[in-house]
């Protein structure tokens, strides 16, 4: 078990980002269909709520089920409580919403990992969770 570096996190984020864009595209189709093919207004509140809900279900759903999203699985990382146990749903909710804040301030919550003595991001600290890297077992 090792702490997870910023580049490994970024790799998982890119992988998950591609999957999430595909899911958001699917969630957008009914909105376009209801408008007869017209584009969705970006500021439409219901549309924004649906996209946030899709993101929430993707991340918190995977984290609560297996501790890993598909991108995290590919990069061999897993979210866990600071104790090493599975995190509570409350901790995962805090992690999800504070990760959004971490991104919205120019990614500063993620860059913080480079300066943190334990290599943790803002959302790691606030949710009392961390990402761990599990290398392939030697055969």
N, C-alpha and C. Protein backbone atom coordinates (compact mmCIF):
# COMPACT_ATOMS: atom_id res chain seq x y z
N UNK A 1 0.84 -1.19 0.00
CA UNK A 1 0.00 0.00 0.00
C UNK A 1 0.88 1.25 0.00
N UNK A 2 0.55 2.18 -0.85
CA UNK A 2 1.31 3.42 -0.96
C UNK A 2 0.34 4.58 -1.11
N UNK A 3 0.81 5.77 -0.73
CA UNK A 3 0.01 6.96 -1.01
C UNK A 3 -0.05 7.16 -2.52
N UNK A 4 -1.05 7.84 -2.95
CA UNK A 4 -1.28 8.05 -4.37
C UNK A 4 -0.74 9.39 -4.80
N UNK A 5 0.12 9.40 -5.82
CA UNK A 5 0.68 10.63 -6.33
C UNK A 5 -0.30 11.39 -7.20
N UNK A 6 0.02 12.64 -7.43
CA UNK A 6 -0.85 13.53 -8.21
C UNK A 6 -1.04 13.02 -9.64
N UNK A 7 0.01 12.51 -10.27
CA UNK A 7 -0.11 12.04 -11.65
C UNK A 7 -1.02 10.81 -11.75
N UNK A 8 -0.95 9.93 -10.78
CA UNK A 8 -1.82 8.75 -10.77
C UNK A 8 -3.27 9.19 -10.59
N UNK A 9 -3.50 10.17 -9.69
CA UNK A 9 -4.85 10.71 -9.52
C UNK A 9 -5.35 11.32 -10.82
N UNK A 10 -4.48 12.08 -11.47
CA UNK A 10 -4.85 12.74 -12.72
C UNK A 10 -5.20 11.71 -13.79
N UNK A 11 -4.45 10.62 -13.88
CA UNK A 11 -4.77 9.56 -14.83
C UNK A 11 -6.15 8.99 -14.59
N UNK A 12 -6.46 8.71 -13.33
CA UNK A 12 -7.79 8.17 -13.00
C UNK A 12 -8.87 9.20 -13.28
N UNK A 13 -8.58 10.49 -13.02
CA UNK A 13 -9.56 11.54 -13.27
C UNK A 13 -9.86 11.67 -14.76
N UNK A 14 -8.84 11.56 -15.60
CA UNK A 14 -9.06 11.65 -17.05
C UNK A 14 -9.90 10.47 -17.52
N UNK A 15 -9.57 9.29 -17.07
CA UNK A 15 -10.31 8.07 -17.43
C UNK A 15 -11.78 8.22 -16.99
N UNK A 16 -11.98 8.59 -15.72
CA UNK A 16 -13.35 8.76 -15.21
C UNK A 16 -14.05 9.92 -15.89
N UNK A 17 -13.31 10.95 -16.24
CA UNK A 17 -13.90 12.10 -16.93
C UNK A 17 -14.49 11.70 -18.27
N UNK A 18 -13.79 10.85 -19.00
CA UNK A 18 -14.31 10.38 -20.29
C UNK A 18 -15.59 9.57 -20.10
N UNK A 19 -15.58 8.70 -19.09
CA UNK A 19 -16.79 7.92 -18.80
C UNK A 19 -17.95 8.82 -18.38
N UNK A 20 -17.64 9.82 -17.56
CA UNK A 20 -18.67 10.73 -17.08
C UNK A 20 -19.25 11.58 -18.21
N UNK A 21 -18.41 12.01 -19.14
CA UNK A 21 -18.92 12.77 -20.29
C UNK A 21 -19.90 11.92 -21.09
N UNK A 22 -19.59 10.63 -21.27
CA UNK A 22 -20.50 9.74 -21.99
C UNK A 22 -21.83 9.62 -21.24
N UNK A 23 -21.78 9.48 -19.92
CA UNK A 23 -23.01 9.39 -19.13
C UNK A 23 -23.81 10.69 -19.19
N UNK A 24 -23.11 11.82 -19.16
CA UNK A 24 -23.78 13.12 -19.25
C UNK A 24 -24.42 13.30 -20.62
N UNK A 25 -23.75 12.81 -21.64
CA UNK A 25 -24.32 12.85 -22.99
C UNK A 25 -25.64 12.09 -23.01
N UNK A 26 -25.65 10.89 -22.44
CA UNK A 26 -26.88 10.10 -22.39
C UNK A 26 -27.97 10.80 -21.58
N UNK A 27 -27.58 11.46 -20.48
CA UNK A 27 -28.55 12.18 -19.66
C UNK A 27 -29.08 13.42 -20.37
N UNK A 28 -28.34 13.93 -21.35
CA UNK A 28 -28.75 15.11 -22.10
C UNK A 28 -29.76 14.77 -23.19
N UNK A 29 -29.70 13.56 -23.70
CA UNK A 29 -30.57 13.18 -24.82
C UNK A 29 -32.06 13.42 -24.56
N UNK A 30 -32.60 13.05 -23.39
CA UNK A 30 -34.02 13.33 -23.18
C UNK A 30 -34.36 14.82 -23.20
N UNK A 31 -33.44 15.65 -22.73
CA UNK A 31 -33.68 17.11 -22.74
C UNK A 31 -33.76 17.62 -24.18
N UNK A 32 -32.87 17.10 -25.03
CA UNK A 32 -32.88 17.51 -26.44
C UNK A 32 -34.13 16.98 -27.13
N UNK A 33 -34.49 15.73 -26.82
CA UNK A 33 -35.68 15.12 -27.44
C UNK A 33 -36.94 15.89 -27.07
N UNK A 34 -37.04 16.33 -25.82
CA UNK A 34 -38.22 17.08 -25.39
C UNK A 34 -38.32 18.45 -26.06
N UNK A 35 -37.21 18.93 -26.58
CA UNK A 35 -37.19 20.23 -27.26
C UNK A 35 -37.22 20.07 -28.78
N UNK A 36 -37.51 18.87 -29.24
CA UNK A 36 -37.58 18.65 -30.69
C UNK A 36 -36.24 18.79 -31.38
N UNK A 37 -35.17 18.46 -30.70
CA UNK A 37 -33.84 18.53 -31.29
C UNK A 37 -33.09 19.82 -31.01
N UNK A 38 -33.74 20.75 -30.34
CA UNK A 38 -33.08 22.02 -30.01
C UNK A 38 -32.10 21.81 -28.85
N UNK A 39 -31.00 22.57 -28.84
CA UNK A 39 -30.03 22.41 -27.75
C UNK A 39 -30.60 22.85 -26.40
N UNK A 40 -30.02 22.31 -25.35
CA UNK A 40 -30.41 22.65 -23.98
C UNK A 40 -29.72 23.94 -23.60
N UNK A 41 -30.46 24.83 -22.95
CA UNK A 41 -29.86 26.06 -22.44
C UNK A 41 -28.93 25.70 -21.29
N UNK A 42 -27.67 26.12 -21.33
CA UNK A 42 -26.70 25.74 -20.29
C UNK A 42 -27.12 26.15 -18.88
N UNK A 43 -27.84 27.23 -18.73
CA UNK A 43 -28.24 27.71 -17.41
C UNK A 43 -29.51 27.09 -16.87
N UNK A 44 -30.08 26.13 -17.58
CA UNK A 44 -31.33 25.53 -17.14
C UNK A 44 -31.11 24.73 -15.84
N UNK A 45 -31.81 25.12 -14.80
CA UNK A 45 -31.59 24.55 -13.47
C UNK A 45 -31.83 23.04 -13.42
N UNK A 46 -32.92 22.57 -13.98
CA UNK A 46 -33.21 21.13 -13.95
C UNK A 46 -32.10 20.34 -14.64
N UNK A 47 -31.63 20.84 -15.76
CA UNK A 47 -30.55 20.19 -16.50
C UNK A 47 -29.27 20.13 -15.65
N UNK A 48 -28.94 21.22 -15.00
CA UNK A 48 -27.75 21.25 -14.14
C UNK A 48 -27.89 20.27 -12.98
N UNK A 49 -29.07 20.20 -12.40
CA UNK A 49 -29.31 19.26 -11.29
C UNK A 49 -29.15 17.82 -11.77
N UNK A 50 -29.68 17.52 -12.95
CA UNK A 50 -29.56 16.16 -13.49
C UNK A 50 -28.08 15.81 -13.71
N UNK A 51 -27.31 16.72 -14.28
CA UNK A 51 -25.88 16.45 -14.50
C UNK A 51 -25.13 16.28 -13.19
N UNK A 52 -25.46 17.07 -12.18
CA UNK A 52 -24.84 16.91 -10.87
C UNK A 52 -25.23 15.56 -10.27
N UNK A 53 -26.48 15.18 -10.42
CA UNK A 53 -26.95 13.89 -9.91
C UNK A 53 -26.25 12.72 -10.60
N UNK A 54 -26.06 12.81 -11.90
CA UNK A 54 -25.33 11.77 -12.64
C UNK A 54 -23.91 11.66 -12.10
N UNK A 55 -23.26 12.79 -11.90
CA UNK A 55 -21.88 12.79 -11.35
C UNK A 55 -21.86 12.19 -9.95
N UNK A 56 -22.80 12.60 -9.13
CA UNK A 56 -22.88 12.11 -7.76
C UNK A 56 -23.07 10.59 -7.75
N UNK A 57 -24.04 10.10 -8.52
CA UNK A 57 -24.31 8.66 -8.55
C UNK A 57 -23.11 7.88 -9.08
N UNK A 58 -22.42 8.44 -10.06
CA UNK A 58 -21.23 7.78 -10.60
C UNK A 58 -20.17 7.63 -9.51
N UNK A 59 -19.77 8.74 -8.92
CA UNK A 59 -18.67 8.69 -7.96
C UNK A 59 -19.06 8.04 -6.64
N UNK A 60 -20.07 8.55 -6.00
CA UNK A 60 -20.44 8.02 -4.69
C UNK A 60 -20.95 6.58 -4.81
N UNK A 61 -21.62 6.28 -5.91
CA UNK A 61 -22.06 4.91 -6.13
C UNK A 61 -20.90 3.93 -6.20
N UNK A 62 -19.91 4.24 -7.04
CA UNK A 62 -18.74 3.37 -7.14
C UNK A 62 -17.96 3.33 -5.83
N UNK A 63 -17.73 4.50 -5.23
CA UNK A 63 -16.94 4.53 -3.99
C UNK A 63 -17.59 3.72 -2.89
N UNK A 64 -18.91 3.82 -2.77
CA UNK A 64 -19.59 3.11 -1.67
C UNK A 64 -19.67 1.61 -1.94
N UNK A 65 -19.68 1.23 -3.20
CA UNK A 65 -19.80 -0.18 -3.55
C UNK A 65 -18.45 -0.91 -3.47
N UNK A 66 -17.43 -0.32 -4.09
CA UNK A 66 -16.14 -1.03 -4.18
C UNK A 66 -14.94 -0.19 -3.76
N UNK A 67 -15.18 1.09 -3.45
CA UNK A 67 -14.06 1.97 -3.09
C UNK A 67 -13.32 2.49 -4.30
N UNK A 68 -13.79 2.13 -5.49
CA UNK A 68 -13.08 2.52 -6.71
C UNK A 68 -14.06 2.83 -7.83
N UNK A 69 -13.76 3.88 -8.58
CA UNK A 69 -14.44 4.10 -9.85
C UNK A 69 -13.71 3.25 -10.89
N UNK A 70 -14.20 3.22 -12.12
CA UNK A 70 -13.52 2.45 -13.16
C UNK A 70 -12.12 3.01 -13.44
N UNK A 71 -11.98 4.33 -13.43
CA UNK A 71 -10.67 4.94 -13.62
C UNK A 71 -9.72 4.61 -12.48
N UNK A 72 -10.23 4.63 -11.27
CA UNK A 72 -9.41 4.30 -10.11
C UNK A 72 -8.98 2.83 -10.17
N UNK A 73 -9.87 1.98 -10.65
CA UNK A 73 -9.54 0.56 -10.77
C UNK A 73 -8.40 0.38 -11.78
N UNK A 74 -8.48 1.09 -12.90
CA UNK A 74 -7.45 0.99 -13.93
C UNK A 74 -6.09 1.47 -13.40
N UNK A 75 -6.11 2.48 -12.53
CA UNK A 75 -4.87 3.03 -11.99
C UNK A 75 -4.51 2.43 -10.63
N UNK A 76 -5.26 1.43 -10.22
CA UNK A 76 -4.98 0.65 -9.00
C UNK A 76 -4.99 1.51 -7.73
N UNK A 77 -5.97 2.41 -7.66
CA UNK A 77 -6.13 3.21 -6.45
C UNK A 77 -7.52 3.00 -5.87
N UNK A 78 -7.62 3.26 -4.58
CA UNK A 78 -8.89 3.02 -3.88
C UNK A 78 -9.06 4.07 -2.80
N UNK A 79 -10.30 4.50 -2.60
CA UNK A 79 -10.61 5.44 -1.53
C UNK A 79 -10.88 4.64 -0.26
N UNK A 80 -10.34 5.14 0.85
CA UNK A 80 -10.55 4.49 2.14
C UNK A 80 -10.56 5.55 3.23
N UNK A 81 -11.13 5.17 4.36
CA UNK A 81 -11.10 6.06 5.52
C UNK A 81 -9.66 6.12 6.02
N UNK A 82 -9.34 7.13 6.79
CA UNK A 82 -7.98 7.26 7.33
C UNK A 82 -7.58 6.03 8.15
N UNK A 83 -8.55 5.34 8.71
CA UNK A 83 -8.28 4.13 9.50
C UNK A 83 -7.94 2.93 8.62
N UNK A 84 -8.17 3.05 7.30
CA UNK A 84 -7.97 1.94 6.39
C UNK A 84 -9.25 1.18 6.09
N UNK A 85 -10.33 1.50 6.82
CA UNK A 85 -11.62 0.85 6.60
C UNK A 85 -12.34 1.49 5.41
N UNK A 86 -13.47 0.91 5.05
CA UNK A 86 -14.32 1.52 4.04
C UNK A 86 -14.90 2.81 4.60
N UNK A 87 -14.92 3.88 3.80
CA UNK A 87 -15.46 5.14 4.31
C UNK A 87 -16.98 5.10 4.44
N UNK A 88 -17.50 5.91 5.35
CA UNK A 88 -18.95 6.01 5.53
C UNK A 88 -19.55 6.79 4.37
N UNK A 89 -20.85 6.67 4.19
CA UNK A 89 -21.54 7.42 3.15
C UNK A 89 -21.43 8.92 3.41
N UNK A 90 -21.41 9.31 4.68
CA UNK A 90 -21.23 10.72 5.02
C UNK A 90 -19.87 11.22 4.55
N UNK A 91 -18.84 10.44 4.81
CA UNK A 91 -17.49 10.82 4.38
C UNK A 91 -17.42 10.91 2.85
N UNK A 92 -18.08 9.99 2.16
CA UNK A 92 -18.07 10.01 0.70
C UNK A 92 -18.84 11.21 0.15
N UNK A 93 -19.92 11.60 0.82
CA UNK A 93 -20.65 12.81 0.42
C UNK A 93 -19.77 14.04 0.59
N UNK A 94 -19.10 14.14 1.73
CA UNK A 94 -18.19 15.26 1.97
C UNK A 94 -17.09 15.26 0.91
N UNK A 95 -16.54 14.09 0.63
CA UNK A 95 -15.47 13.97 -0.36
C UNK A 95 -15.95 14.46 -1.74
N UNK A 96 -17.12 14.02 -2.15
CA UNK A 96 -17.64 14.40 -3.47
C UNK A 96 -17.80 15.92 -3.59
N UNK A 97 -18.50 16.52 -2.62
CA UNK A 97 -18.78 17.95 -2.74
C UNK A 97 -17.56 18.82 -2.51
N UNK A 98 -16.65 18.41 -1.64
CA UNK A 98 -15.44 19.21 -1.46
C UNK A 98 -14.46 19.02 -2.62
N UNK A 99 -14.52 17.88 -3.32
CA UNK A 99 -13.71 17.71 -4.52
C UNK A 99 -14.15 18.69 -5.60
N UNK A 100 -15.45 18.95 -5.68
CA UNK A 100 -15.94 19.94 -6.63
C UNK A 100 -15.35 21.31 -6.29
N UNK A 101 -15.36 21.67 -5.02
CA UNK A 101 -14.76 22.94 -4.59
C UNK A 101 -13.28 22.94 -4.92
N UNK A 102 -12.60 21.83 -4.66
CA UNK A 102 -11.17 21.72 -4.96
C UNK A 102 -10.88 22.01 -6.43
N UNK A 103 -11.75 21.57 -7.31
CA UNK A 103 -11.59 21.83 -8.74
C UNK A 103 -11.94 23.26 -9.12
N UNK A 104 -13.00 23.79 -8.51
CA UNK A 104 -13.50 25.11 -8.90
C UNK A 104 -12.52 26.24 -8.60
N UNK A 105 -11.64 26.04 -7.65
CA UNK A 105 -10.65 27.09 -7.33
C UNK A 105 -9.34 26.77 -8.06
N UNK A 106 -9.48 26.59 -9.38
CA UNK A 106 -8.35 26.33 -10.26
C UNK A 106 -7.56 25.08 -9.87
N UNK A 107 -8.27 24.12 -9.30
CA UNK A 107 -7.64 22.86 -8.92
C UNK A 107 -6.74 22.93 -7.70
N UNK A 108 -6.82 24.05 -6.98
CA UNK A 108 -5.91 24.25 -5.83
C UNK A 108 -6.04 23.15 -4.78
N UNK A 109 -7.25 22.62 -4.62
CA UNK A 109 -7.43 21.56 -3.64
C UNK A 109 -6.66 20.31 -4.00
N UNK A 110 -6.44 20.09 -5.29
CA UNK A 110 -5.63 18.96 -5.75
C UNK A 110 -4.14 19.27 -5.67
N UNK A 111 -3.77 20.48 -6.11
CA UNK A 111 -2.36 20.88 -6.06
C UNK A 111 -1.83 20.88 -4.63
N UNK A 112 -2.73 21.07 -3.68
CA UNK A 112 -2.35 21.08 -2.26
C UNK A 112 -1.58 19.81 -1.89
N UNK A 113 -1.89 18.73 -2.56
CA UNK A 113 -1.23 17.45 -2.29
C UNK A 113 0.29 17.56 -2.38
N UNK A 114 0.77 18.42 -3.27
CA UNK A 114 2.22 18.57 -3.44
C UNK A 114 2.89 19.20 -2.23
N UNK A 115 2.14 19.94 -1.43
CA UNK A 115 2.69 20.66 -0.28
C UNK A 115 2.31 20.03 1.05
N UNK A 116 1.30 19.18 1.03
CA UNK A 116 0.81 18.56 2.26
C UNK A 116 1.82 17.52 2.75
N UNK A 117 2.13 17.53 4.04
CA UNK A 117 3.13 16.61 4.58
C UNK A 117 2.76 15.14 4.43
N UNK A 118 1.45 14.86 4.30
CA UNK A 118 0.99 13.49 4.11
C UNK A 118 0.52 13.23 2.68
N UNK A 119 0.68 14.22 1.80
CA UNK A 119 0.29 14.06 0.41
C UNK A 119 -1.21 14.00 0.19
N UNK A 120 -1.95 14.72 1.04
CA UNK A 120 -3.41 14.70 0.96
C UNK A 120 -3.95 15.96 0.28
N UNK A 121 -5.09 15.82 -0.39
CA UNK A 121 -5.78 16.96 -1.00
C UNK A 121 -6.74 17.57 0.03
N UNK A 122 -7.36 18.68 -0.34
CA UNK A 122 -8.35 19.29 0.56
C UNK A 122 -9.48 18.33 0.85
N UNK A 123 -9.99 17.67 -0.20
CA UNK A 123 -11.14 16.79 0.02
C UNK A 123 -10.75 15.52 0.77
N UNK A 124 -9.48 15.10 0.67
CA UNK A 124 -9.02 14.00 1.52
C UNK A 124 -9.12 14.42 2.98
N UNK A 125 -8.58 15.58 3.27
CA UNK A 125 -8.54 16.06 4.66
C UNK A 125 -9.95 16.31 5.21
N UNK A 126 -10.77 17.02 4.45
CA UNK A 126 -12.09 17.38 4.95
C UNK A 126 -13.01 16.18 5.11
N UNK A 127 -12.84 15.16 4.28
CA UNK A 127 -13.70 13.97 4.38
C UNK A 127 -13.08 12.88 5.25
N UNK A 128 -11.85 13.11 5.67
CA UNK A 128 -11.10 12.12 6.46
C UNK A 128 -11.01 10.79 5.70
N UNK A 129 -10.72 10.94 4.40
CA UNK A 129 -10.48 9.78 3.55
C UNK A 129 -9.14 9.99 2.85
N UNK A 130 -8.70 8.98 2.14
CA UNK A 130 -7.46 9.10 1.36
C UNK A 130 -7.54 8.10 0.21
N UNK A 131 -6.67 8.33 -0.77
CA UNK A 131 -6.53 7.37 -1.85
C UNK A 131 -5.26 6.57 -1.60
N UNK A 132 -5.35 5.27 -1.81
CA UNK A 132 -4.20 4.39 -1.65
C UNK A 132 -3.92 3.69 -2.96
N UNK A 133 -2.65 3.57 -3.27
CA UNK A 133 -2.21 2.83 -4.44
C UNK A 133 -1.88 1.41 -4.03
N UNK A 134 -2.43 0.47 -4.77
CA UNK A 134 -2.17 -0.94 -4.52
C UNK A 134 -1.46 -1.51 -5.73
N UNK A 135 -0.13 -1.65 -5.65
CA UNK A 135 0.60 -2.18 -6.81
C UNK A 135 0.20 -3.63 -7.10
N UNK A 136 0.45 -4.04 -8.34
CA UNK A 136 0.17 -5.43 -8.71
C UNK A 136 0.99 -6.36 -7.83
N UNK A 137 0.36 -7.41 -7.35
CA UNK A 137 1.13 -8.37 -6.57
C UNK A 137 2.16 -9.07 -7.45
N UNK A 138 3.32 -9.28 -6.90
CA UNK A 138 4.36 -9.97 -7.65
C UNK A 138 4.02 -11.44 -7.76
N UNK A 139 4.25 -11.97 -8.94
CA UNK A 139 3.89 -13.38 -9.17
C UNK A 139 5.08 -14.28 -8.98
